[in-house]
């Protein structure tokens, strides 16, 4: 309960509200209301209880009433007559978007995910990739076009690229994305660029230099490190095959790991930065190559510190080629998946070791669609996710037990999915649509 001297009077758009300094302090230091307090979290004298005049705020009073209730209770109740986008705009003005997000959905847990909505695609052709943004938005690549959505799922101006196709996309931060592309047909141009997520403006291109000459190259898989480095597999026309490294702040090339003889780095399907070991996982997988290559690169010593390939390994009916791979540093292993969603594990402590297969989806065999999508893997907060056809499986625990499946009734096979901003986004291939999965907020006790 607020005491008398704690009371605050506000005039929002001509409507008088009375609340307490304690309630307004719940908005946080970086909010509109945080600016009304001094360094000791005391209200400035001109708006305390000694003043009979209410502080005037020229904003929407109906939305303010909802947001004030949110600060009081932590619960978000939106009446049917209030437009959600208008409310979100007002929340942005007051610096309360994080409070709204927290109230709309709870902490991410794969076993509690619920389908929130499905968004119809805005471009012709099959989807290429989907990437979750750090703030709950996402970006989607269709052919040579990239569509960017904010956390309210409002689309920003699309990025239409005059290239053959987009190979990968990734978020540098909530304001910028990196796009990797093939060379343009009939032109010695390609590579990757940094774009504004909100406007689609090209901010700079990342170049590859070899022997002091700028080279044309196709950029493939992308990865990012916590110290502002961008990694990309690179396939050039002469000797620039391998993995390039750029400074994401300046856009300058700072390193290059050249492809080893008999190996495959420039065609990599997946890159993953491992912060614990300061190494980069590079995976080139079937069917891009007839054989699979997975390695860990240490750029400090220009050394391949761990490697595995299925060259020469016996291939049984059940052990088809590896379709995706992901490193799990805590268990010193790499998880791989085949076309039947059978999971396999490779011990990182043994270079060139064999795969320990663990079949998880026998019931799905015999039900393969005419054009199945290759499975994808993701690891998030101790849970393992694997997409297969029209569903995503969730595995938990030290033995990676199947605990739930995410599936909806239409849209076709899932060609890609991504987790970030407490959401899971799944891109379907046939209906050109992506699904948004969220966790409901935790109950207020």
Protein backbone atom coordinates (compact mmCIF):
# COMPACT_ATOMS: atom_id res chain seq x y z
CA UNK A 1 0.00 0.00 0.00
CA UNK A 2 1.22 3.49 -0.83
CA UNK A 3 1.39 6.07 1.92
CA UNK A 4 0.14 9.62 1.56
CA UNK A 5 3.48 11.22 0.65
CA UNK A 6 4.04 8.48 -1.93
CA UNK A 7 1.01 9.48 -4.04
CA UNK A 8 1.50 10.87 -7.56
CA UNK A 9 -1.06 12.60 -9.77
CA UNK A 10 -0.78 12.37 -13.57
CA UNK A 11 -2.84 13.98 -16.33
CA UNK A 12 -2.64 11.76 -19.39
CA UNK A 13 -4.42 13.16 -22.43
CA UNK A 14 -6.86 15.06 -20.17
CA UNK A 15 -7.67 12.13 -17.89
CA UNK A 16 -6.47 12.23 -14.27
CA UNK A 17 -4.67 9.21 -12.79
CA UNK A 18 -3.48 8.78 -9.23
CA UNK A 19 -0.82 6.23 -8.39
CA UNK A 20 2.25 5.90 -6.19
CA UNK A 21 5.95 6.46 -6.64
CA UNK A 22 6.44 2.79 -5.78
CA UNK A 23 4.29 1.74 -8.73
CA UNK A 24 6.08 4.08 -11.13
CA UNK A 25 9.45 2.84 -9.90
CA UNK A 26 8.49 -0.64 -11.14
CA UNK A 27 9.00 0.73 -14.67
CA UNK A 28 12.76 0.77 -14.13
CA UNK A 29 15.53 3.32 -14.40
CA UNK A 30 15.61 3.35 -18.21
CA UNK A 31 11.91 4.05 -18.64
CA UNK A 32 10.01 7.32 -19.11
CA UNK A 33 9.11 7.20 -15.43
CA UNK A 34 12.66 6.44 -14.33
CA UNK A 35 13.61 9.91 -15.55
CA UNK A 36 11.22 11.39 -12.96
CA UNK A 37 13.34 10.05 -10.09
CA UNK A 38 16.70 11.24 -8.76
CA UNK A 39 19.69 8.99 -8.12
CA UNK A 40 18.22 7.96 -4.76
CA UNK A 41 14.92 6.87 -6.37
CA UNK A 42 13.06 9.86 -4.92
CA UNK A 43 10.52 11.69 -7.05
CA UNK A 44 11.53 15.15 -8.22
CA UNK A 45 9.99 17.82 -6.05
CA UNK A 46 7.81 19.34 -8.78
CA UNK A 47 5.64 16.21 -9.04
CA UNK A 48 5.53 15.02 -5.43
CA UNK A 49 2.57 15.27 -3.08
CA UNK A 50 3.34 18.89 -2.23
CA UNK A 51 2.18 19.95 -5.69
CA UNK A 52 -1.55 20.05 -6.42
CA UNK A 53 -0.97 20.22 -10.15
CA UNK A 54 -0.84 16.91 -12.01
CA UNK A 55 2.05 16.15 -14.35
CA UNK A 56 0.68 16.39 -17.90
CA UNK A 57 1.56 13.67 -20.44
CA UNK A 58 0.18 14.16 -23.94
CA UNK A 59 -0.50 10.49 -24.73
CA UNK A 60 -3.39 8.05 -25.09
CA UNK A 61 -5.21 7.69 -21.72
CA UNK A 62 -6.87 4.33 -22.49
CA UNK A 63 -3.52 2.69 -23.24
CA UNK A 64 -1.93 4.37 -20.24
CA UNK A 65 -4.59 2.86 -17.99
CA UNK A 66 -3.61 -0.65 -19.20
CA UNK A 67 0.11 0.02 -18.77
CA UNK A 68 -0.38 1.49 -15.31
CA UNK A 69 -2.25 -1.65 -14.31
CA UNK A 70 0.66 -3.68 -15.68
CA UNK A 71 3.05 -1.79 -13.39
CA UNK A 72 0.74 -2.36 -10.45
CA UNK A 73 0.09 -6.07 -10.90
CA UNK A 74 2.53 -7.47 -13.45
CA UNK A 75 -0.45 -8.73 -15.40
CA UNK A 76 -1.41 -7.53 -18.90
CA UNK A 77 -5.13 -7.31 -19.64
CA UNK A 78 -6.01 -5.85 -23.05
CA UNK A 79 -9.72 -5.05 -23.58
CA UNK A 80 -11.15 -6.08 -26.96
CA UNK A 81 -11.70 -2.43 -27.95
CA UNK A 82 -7.98 -1.61 -27.67
CA UNK A 83 -5.77 -2.13 -30.72
CA UNK A 84 -2.72 -4.14 -29.67
CA UNK A 85 -0.36 -2.31 -32.01
CA UNK A 86 -1.47 1.03 -30.58
CA UNK A 87 -0.81 -0.31 -27.08
CA UNK A 88 2.65 -1.55 -28.10
CA UNK A 89 3.45 1.85 -29.60
CA UNK A 90 2.49 3.54 -26.33
CA UNK A 91 4.52 0.99 -24.37
CA UNK A 92 7.51 1.82 -26.55
CA UNK A 93 7.12 5.53 -25.73
CA UNK A 94 7.14 4.83 -21.98
CA UNK A 95 10.00 2.32 -22.25
CA UNK A 96 7.79 -0.56 -21.12
CA UNK A 97 8.14 -2.99 -24.03
CA UNK A 98 10.17 -5.42 -21.91
CA UNK A 99 7.41 -5.38 -19.30
CA UNK A 100 4.80 -6.08 -21.99
CA UNK A 101 6.85 -8.94 -23.44
CA UNK A 102 7.35 -10.49 -20.01
CA UNK A 103 3.62 -10.31 -19.32
CA UNK A 104 2.64 -11.72 -22.74
CA UNK A 105 4.81 -14.82 -22.56
CA UNK A 106 6.89 -16.61 -19.98
CA UNK A 107 10.49 -17.91 -19.95
CA UNK A 108 11.33 -20.23 -22.84
CA UNK A 109 10.71 -23.93 -22.26
CA UNK A 110 10.34 -26.28 -25.22
CA UNK A 111 7.85 -28.45 -23.33
CA UNK A 112 5.52 -25.50 -22.64
CA UNK A 113 5.49 -23.96 -26.11
CA UNK A 114 2.12 -23.10 -27.63
CA UNK A 115 1.37 -22.02 -31.20
CA UNK A 116 0.74 -18.28 -30.98
CA UNK A 117 0.11 -17.42 -34.61
CA UNK A 118 1.03 -18.21 -38.20
CA UNK A 119 2.26 -15.52 -40.58
CA UNK A 120 1.65 -15.87 -44.30
CA UNK A 121 4.74 -15.46 -46.43
CA UNK A 122 5.12 -12.36 -48.57
CA UNK A 123 7.37 -13.71 -51.32
CA UNK A 124 7.01 -16.35 -54.04
CA UNK A 125 9.02 -19.55 -53.95
CA UNK A 126 10.20 -21.81 -51.18
CA UNK A 127 11.64 -20.44 -47.96
CA UNK A 128 15.41 -20.59 -47.56
CA UNK A 129 16.03 -19.75 -43.90
CA UNK A 130 14.46 -18.19 -40.82
CA UNK A 131 16.40 -16.58 -37.98
CA UNK A 132 15.03 -15.41 -34.64
CA UNK A 133 16.12 -11.96 -33.53
CA UNK A 134 17.34 -11.12 -30.02
CA UNK A 135 14.25 -9.04 -29.24
CA UNK A 136 11.57 -11.53 -30.32
CA UNK A 137 11.40 -10.62 -34.02
CA UNK A 138 12.71 -12.64 -36.95
CA UNK A 139 13.94 -12.45 -40.52
CA UNK A 140 12.99 -14.82 -43.34
CA UNK A 141 14.80 -15.47 -46.62
CA UNK A 142 12.89 -16.53 -49.75
CA UNK A 143 15.19 -16.95 -52.72
CA UNK A 144 16.89 -13.57 -53.16
CA UNK A 145 14.56 -11.63 -50.84
CA UNK A 146 14.71 -11.15 -47.06
CA UNK A 147 11.70 -10.11 -44.97
CA UNK A 148 12.31 -8.66 -41.50
CA UNK A 149 9.73 -8.60 -38.70
CA UNK A 150 9.88 -6.85 -35.34
CA UNK A 151 8.72 -8.52 -32.13
CA UNK A 152 5.15 -7.36 -32.82
CA UNK A 153 5.48 -9.21 -36.16
CA UNK A 154 5.13 -5.99 -38.12
CA UNK A 155 7.13 -6.23 -41.33
CA UNK A 156 9.85 -3.72 -42.11
CA UNK A 157 10.70 -2.76 -45.72
CA UNK A 158 11.81 -6.00 -47.46
CA UNK A 159 15.38 -6.41 -48.67
CA UNK A 160 15.33 -7.37 -52.35
CA UNK A 161 18.80 -8.50 -53.46
CA UNK A 162 19.96 -8.62 -57.06
CA UNK A 163 21.71 -11.94 -56.55
CA UNK A 164 21.10 -15.56 -57.38
CA UNK A 165 19.92 -16.51 -53.88
CA UNK A 166 20.44 -15.91 -50.17
CA UNK A 167 22.49 -18.64 -48.49
CA UNK A 168 22.25 -17.54 -44.86
CA UNK A 169 21.14 -14.66 -42.66
CA UNK A 170 22.01 -13.71 -39.09
CA UNK A 171 21.39 -11.03 -36.48
CA UNK A 172 24.37 -8.98 -35.33
CA UNK A 173 22.09 -7.20 -32.85
CA UNK A 174 18.47 -6.04 -32.73
CA UNK A 175 19.22 -3.31 -35.31
CA UNK A 176 21.41 -5.06 -37.91
CA UNK A 177 21.43 -8.28 -39.92
CA UNK A 178 24.10 -9.92 -42.09
CA UNK A 179 23.11 -11.59 -45.36
CA UNK A 180 25.32 -14.01 -47.31
CA UNK A 181 24.66 -14.56 -51.01
CA UNK A 182 25.87 -16.37 -54.12
CA UNK A 183 27.62 -14.53 -56.90
CA UNK A 184 25.29 -12.71 -59.24
CA UNK A 185 24.84 -14.44 -62.59
CA UNK A 186 27.21 -12.97 -65.15
CA UNK A 187 28.90 -10.74 -62.60
CA UNK A 188 32.00 -11.04 -60.43
CA UNK A 189 30.11 -9.95 -57.37
CA UNK A 190 28.79 -11.68 -54.28
CA UNK A 191 29.70 -12.23 -50.67
CA UNK A 192 27.82 -10.66 -47.79
CA UNK A 193 26.65 -7.35 -46.42
CA UNK A 194 25.41 -5.69 -43.25
CA UNK A 195 21.89 -4.26 -43.51
CA UNK A 196 19.68 -2.16 -41.28
CA UNK A 197 16.90 -4.38 -39.96
CA UNK A 198 14.41 -1.52 -39.86
CA UNK A 199 15.09 0.21 -43.19
CA UNK A 200 16.84 -2.46 -45.28
CA UNK A 201 19.68 -0.03 -46.03
CA UNK A 202 23.03 -1.58 -46.95
CA UNK A 203 25.56 -0.27 -44.45
CA UNK A 204 28.68 -1.99 -45.77
CA UNK A 205 29.92 -5.03 -47.68
CA UNK A 206 32.40 -7.56 -46.38
CA UNK A 207 35.28 -8.16 -48.77
CA UNK A 208 37.75 -11.02 -49.08
CA UNK A 209 41.33 -10.12 -49.93
CA UNK A 210 43.93 -12.59 -51.16
CA UNK A 211 47.46 -11.56 -52.15
CA UNK A 212 46.40 -7.94 -51.57
CA UNK A 213 43.63 -8.24 -54.14
CA UNK A 214 39.88 -8.10 -53.51
CA UNK A 215 38.32 -11.38 -54.64
CA UNK A 216 34.82 -12.33 -55.70
CA UNK A 217 33.35 -15.10 -53.59
CA UNK A 218 30.17 -16.87 -52.56
CA UNK A 219 29.41 -16.57 -48.85
CA UNK A 220 27.73 -19.53 -47.18
CA UNK A 221 27.02 -20.36 -43.57
CA UNK A 222 27.35 -17.61 -40.93
CA UNK A 223 28.23 -17.51 -37.25
CA UNK A 224 28.92 -14.79 -34.68
CA UNK A 225 31.08 -14.59 -31.56
CA UNK A 226 30.61 -12.55 -28.40
CA UNK A 227 33.67 -10.43 -29.20
CA UNK A 228 32.05 -8.94 -32.32
CA UNK A 229 33.49 -11.27 -34.94
CA UNK A 230 31.58 -12.58 -37.96
CA UNK A 231 32.52 -15.91 -39.54
CA UNK A 232 31.46 -17.08 -42.99
CA UNK A 233 32.35 -20.01 -45.18
CA UNK A 234 33.79 -18.69 -48.45
CA UNK A 235 34.00 -20.27 -51.87
CA UNK A 236 36.09 -18.28 -54.31
CA UNK A 237 37.46 -18.79 -57.79
CA UNK A 238 41.15 -19.21 -57.02
CA UNK A 239 42.69 -19.89 -53.62
CA UNK A 240 40.20 -18.20 -51.31
CA UNK A 241 38.41 -21.36 -50.12
CA UNK A 242 37.81 -21.62 -46.41
CA UNK A 243 36.38 -19.54 -43.57
CA UNK A 244 36.72 -15.76 -43.39
CA UNK A 245 36.58 -13.59 -40.27
CA UNK A 246 35.46 -9.95 -40.13
CA UNK A 247 35.10 -7.31 -37.46
CA UNK A 248 31.37 -6.58 -37.29
CA UNK A 249 31.99 -3.00 -36.06
CA UNK A 250 34.33 -1.91 -38.85
CA UNK A 251 33.45 -4.47 -41.52
CA UNK A 252 37.16 -5.18 -42.12
CA UNK A 253 38.51 -8.66 -42.81
CA UNK A 254 40.75 -9.70 -39.92
CA UNK A 255 41.51 -13.35 -40.61
CA UNK A 256 41.07 -16.28 -43.00
CA UNK A 257 41.37 -20.03 -42.40
CA UNK A 258 42.28 -21.66 -45.70
CA UNK A 259 40.84 -25.02 -46.68
CA UNK A 260 43.05 -28.00 -45.90
CA UNK A 261 43.85 -30.47 -48.71
CA UNK A 262 41.18 -33.16 -48.94
CA UNK A 263 38.83 -31.28 -46.62
CA UNK A 264 35.81 -29.02 -47.27
CA UNK A 265 35.41 -25.68 -45.51
CA UNK A 266 34.32 -23.29 -48.25
CA UNK A 267 31.13 -25.31 -48.88
CA UNK A 268 30.19 -25.52 -45.20
CA UNK A 269 26.50 -25.89 -44.37
CA UNK A 270 26.87 -24.83 -40.75
CA UNK A 271 29.19 -22.77 -38.56
CA UNK A 272 28.92 -22.58 -34.77
CA UNK A 273 31.14 -20.52 -32.48
CA UNK A 274 32.09 -22.32 -29.23
CA UNK A 275 32.84 -19.68 -26.63
CA UNK A 276 34.16 -22.17 -24.06
CA UNK A 277 36.97 -23.46 -26.29
CA UNK A 278 37.34 -20.40 -28.56
CA UNK A 279 36.92 -22.64 -31.57
CA UNK A 280 34.63 -22.68 -34.58
CA UNK A 281 32.66 -25.77 -35.57
CA UNK A 282 32.52 -26.19 -39.35
CA UNK A 283 30.20 -28.82 -40.82
CA UNK A 284 29.87 -29.73 -44.50
CA UNK A 285 27.08 -32.25 -44.80
CA UNK A 286 25.24 -34.58 -47.14
CA UNK A 287 23.76 -34.00 -49.72
CA UNK A 288 25.93 -30.95 -50.50
CA UNK A 289 28.88 -33.34 -50.46
CA UNK A 290 28.86 -37.12 -50.90
CA UNK A 291 30.78 -37.35 -47.64
CA UNK A 292 30.41 -35.38 -44.41
CA UNK A 293 33.14 -33.31 -42.80
CA UNK A 294 32.96 -31.84 -39.28
CA UNK A 295 35.87 -30.01 -37.69
CA UNK A 296 36.84 -27.56 -34.96
CA UNK A 297 39.10 -24.69 -36.02
CA UNK A 298 41.37 -22.76 -33.68
CA UNK A 299 42.14 -19.46 -35.41
CA UNK A 300 44.79 -18.49 -32.87
CA UNK A 301 47.12 -21.28 -33.96
CA UNK A 302 45.62 -21.74 -37.44
CA UNK A 303 45.01 -25.34 -36.50
CA UNK A 304 42.26 -27.90 -37.00
CA UNK A 305 42.13 -29.22 -33.42
CA UNK A 306 39.44 -31.86 -33.99
CA UNK A 307 37.98 -33.52 -37.06
CA UNK A 308 35.56 -36.23 -38.10
CA UNK A 309 34.49 -37.57 -41.49
CA UNK A 310 32.38 -40.51 -42.63
CA UNK A 311 34.87 -41.35 -45.41
CA UNK A 312 35.55 -45.08 -45.26
CA UNK A 313 32.94 -45.68 -42.54
CA UNK A 314 30.53 -48.60 -43.09
CA UNK A 315 27.09 -47.36 -44.06
CA UNK A 316 24.06 -49.39 -43.04
CA UNK A 317 20.46 -48.87 -44.12
CA UNK A 318 19.58 -47.10 -40.88
CA UNK A 319 22.67 -44.89 -40.76
CA UNK A 320 22.12 -42.53 -43.66
CA UNK A 321 24.33 -39.53 -44.23
CA UNK A 322 24.47 -36.81 -41.59
CA UNK A 323 22.05 -33.94 -42.34
CA UNK A 324 22.88 -31.54 -39.50
CA UNK A 325 25.30 -31.22 -36.58
CA UNK A 326 25.57 -29.17 -33.41
CA UNK A 327 28.27 -29.00 -30.73
CA UNK A 328 27.34 -29.50 -27.08
CA UNK A 329 30.29 -28.20 -25.08
CA UNK A 330 28.95 -29.20 -21.66
CA UNK A 331 28.96 -32.88 -22.62
CA UNK A 332 32.09 -32.70 -24.84
CA UNK A 333 30.16 -34.06 -27.78
CA UNK A 334 28.67 -33.24 -31.15
CA UNK A 335 25.11 -34.26 -31.91
CA UNK A 336 24.27 -35.26 -35.48
CA UNK A 337 20.99 -36.28 -37.09
CA UNK A 338 20.18 -38.42 -40.14
CA UNK A 339 17.18 -38.35 -42.49
CA UNK A 340 15.10 -40.48 -40.09
CA UNK A 341 15.68 -38.09 -37.18
CA UNK A 342 17.92 -40.65 -35.51
CA UNK A 343 20.28 -38.79 -33.19
CA UNK A 344 23.97 -39.62 -33.10
CA UNK A 345 26.73 -38.47 -30.75
CA UNK A 346 30.44 -38.05 -31.43
CA UNK A 347 32.92 -37.68 -28.55
CA UNK A 348 34.92 -34.47 -28.92
CA UNK A 349 37.71 -35.98 -26.86
CA UNK A 350 38.40 -38.54 -29.60
CA UNK A 351 39.34 -37.12 -32.99
CA UNK A 352 37.88 -39.18 -35.82
CA UNK A 353 35.79 -41.27 -33.44
CA UNK A 354 32.68 -43.16 -34.50
CA UNK A 355 29.06 -42.04 -34.16
CA UNK A 356 27.02 -43.53 -31.32
CA UNK A 357 23.54 -43.66 -32.84
CA UNK A 358 20.38 -43.48 -30.75
CA UNK A 359 17.15 -44.03 -32.69
CA UNK A 360 14.33 -41.74 -31.55
CA UNK A 361 11.65 -41.86 -34.21
CA UNK A 362 11.01 -45.38 -35.47
CA UNK A 363 7.28 -44.67 -35.72
CA UNK A 364 7.94 -42.02 -38.36
CA UNK A 365 9.58 -44.47 -40.75
CA UNK A 366 7.37 -45.41 -43.62
CA UNK A 367 5.55 -42.09 -43.37
CA UNK A 368 8.07 -40.00 -45.26
CA UNK A 369 6.49 -37.36 -47.55
CA UNK A 370 7.27 -37.24 -51.25
CA UNK A 371 9.59 -34.26 -50.76
CA UNK A 372 10.86 -34.36 -47.16
CA UNK A 373 12.77 -31.45 -45.70
CA UNK A 374 16.14 -32.26 -44.22
CA UNK A 375 16.14 -32.24 -40.41
CA UNK A 376 17.67 -29.34 -38.47
CA UNK A 377 19.09 -29.23 -34.94
CA UNK A 378 19.12 -26.50 -32.28
CA UNK A 379 20.32 -26.43 -28.68
CA UNK A 380 18.74 -23.94 -26.29
CA UNK A 381 19.05 -23.70 -22.51
CA UNK A 382 19.80 -27.38 -22.04
CA UNK A 383 17.11 -28.63 -24.42
CA UNK A 384 17.74 -30.21 -27.82
CA UNK A 385 15.38 -29.55 -30.75
CA UNK A 386 15.16 -31.48 -34.01
CA UNK A 387 12.82 -30.71 -36.91
CA UNK A 388 11.52 -33.51 -39.08
CA UNK A 389 8.94 -33.07 -41.84
CA UNK A 390 6.03 -31.12 -40.27
CA UNK A 391 7.04 -31.33 -36.59
CA UNK A 392 9.78 -30.37 -34.13
CA UNK A 393 10.87 -32.81 -31.42
CA UNK A 394 12.09 -31.68 -27.99
CA UNK A 395 14.68 -33.79 -26.13
CA UNK A 396 15.67 -33.28 -22.50
CA UNK A 397 17.85 -34.79 -19.79
CA UNK A 398 21.31 -36.40 -19.85
CA UNK A 399 20.04 -39.19 -22.11
CA UNK A 400 18.13 -36.78 -24.41
CA UNK A 401 14.72 -38.34 -23.92
CA UNK A 402 11.95 -37.27 -26.30
CA UNK A 403 9.60 -35.18 -24.13
CA UNK A 404 7.28 -33.41 -26.59
CA UNK A 405 6.55 -32.63 -30.24
CA UNK A 406 5.50 -29.36 -31.80
CA UNK A 407 3.19 -29.86 -34.77
CA UNK A 408 0.39 -28.06 -36.52
CA UNK A 409 -2.09 -29.41 -39.05
CA UNK A 410 -1.09 -27.55 -42.23
CA UNK A 411 1.75 -25.69 -43.90
CA UNK A 412 3.80 -28.59 -45.18
CA UNK A 413 7.23 -29.69 -44.10
CA UNK A 414 9.43 -27.48 -41.94
CA UNK A 415 12.47 -26.38 -43.93
CA UNK A 416 14.06 -24.37 -41.11
CA UNK A 417 13.46 -23.21 -37.55
CA UNK A 418 15.16 -20.86 -35.11
CA UNK A 419 14.98 -19.97 -31.40
CA UNK A 420 15.56 -16.52 -29.88
CA UNK A 421 13.89 -13.75 -27.93
CA UNK A 422 11.90 -16.38 -25.96
CA UNK A 423 10.21 -17.57 -29.17
CA UNK A 424 10.56 -20.43 -31.63
CA UNK A 425 9.96 -19.69 -35.33
CA UNK A 426 9.29 -22.54 -37.78
CA UNK A 427 9.37 -21.89 -41.54
CA UNK A 428 7.25 -24.20 -43.73
CA UNK A 429 8.18 -24.90 -47.33
CA UNK A 430 4.90 -25.71 -49.07
CA UNK A 431 2.56 -22.97 -47.84
CA UNK A 432 5.19 -20.20 -47.61
CA UNK A 433 4.23 -19.52 -43.99
CA UNK A 434 6.04 -19.41 -40.66
CA UNK A 435 4.71 -20.31 -37.21
CA UNK A 436 5.42 -18.48 -33.97
CA UNK A 437 5.60 -20.59 -30.81
CA UNK A 438 5.58 -18.97 -27.36
CA UNK A 439 5.37 -20.06 -23.72
CA UNK A 440 2.37 -18.77 -21.76
CA UNK A 441 3.26 -16.51 -18.82
CA UNK A 442 3.81 -18.19 -15.48
CA UNK A 443 0.74 -18.09 -13.22
CA UNK A 444 0.67 -15.27 -10.68
CA UNK A 445 0.43 -16.76 -7.20
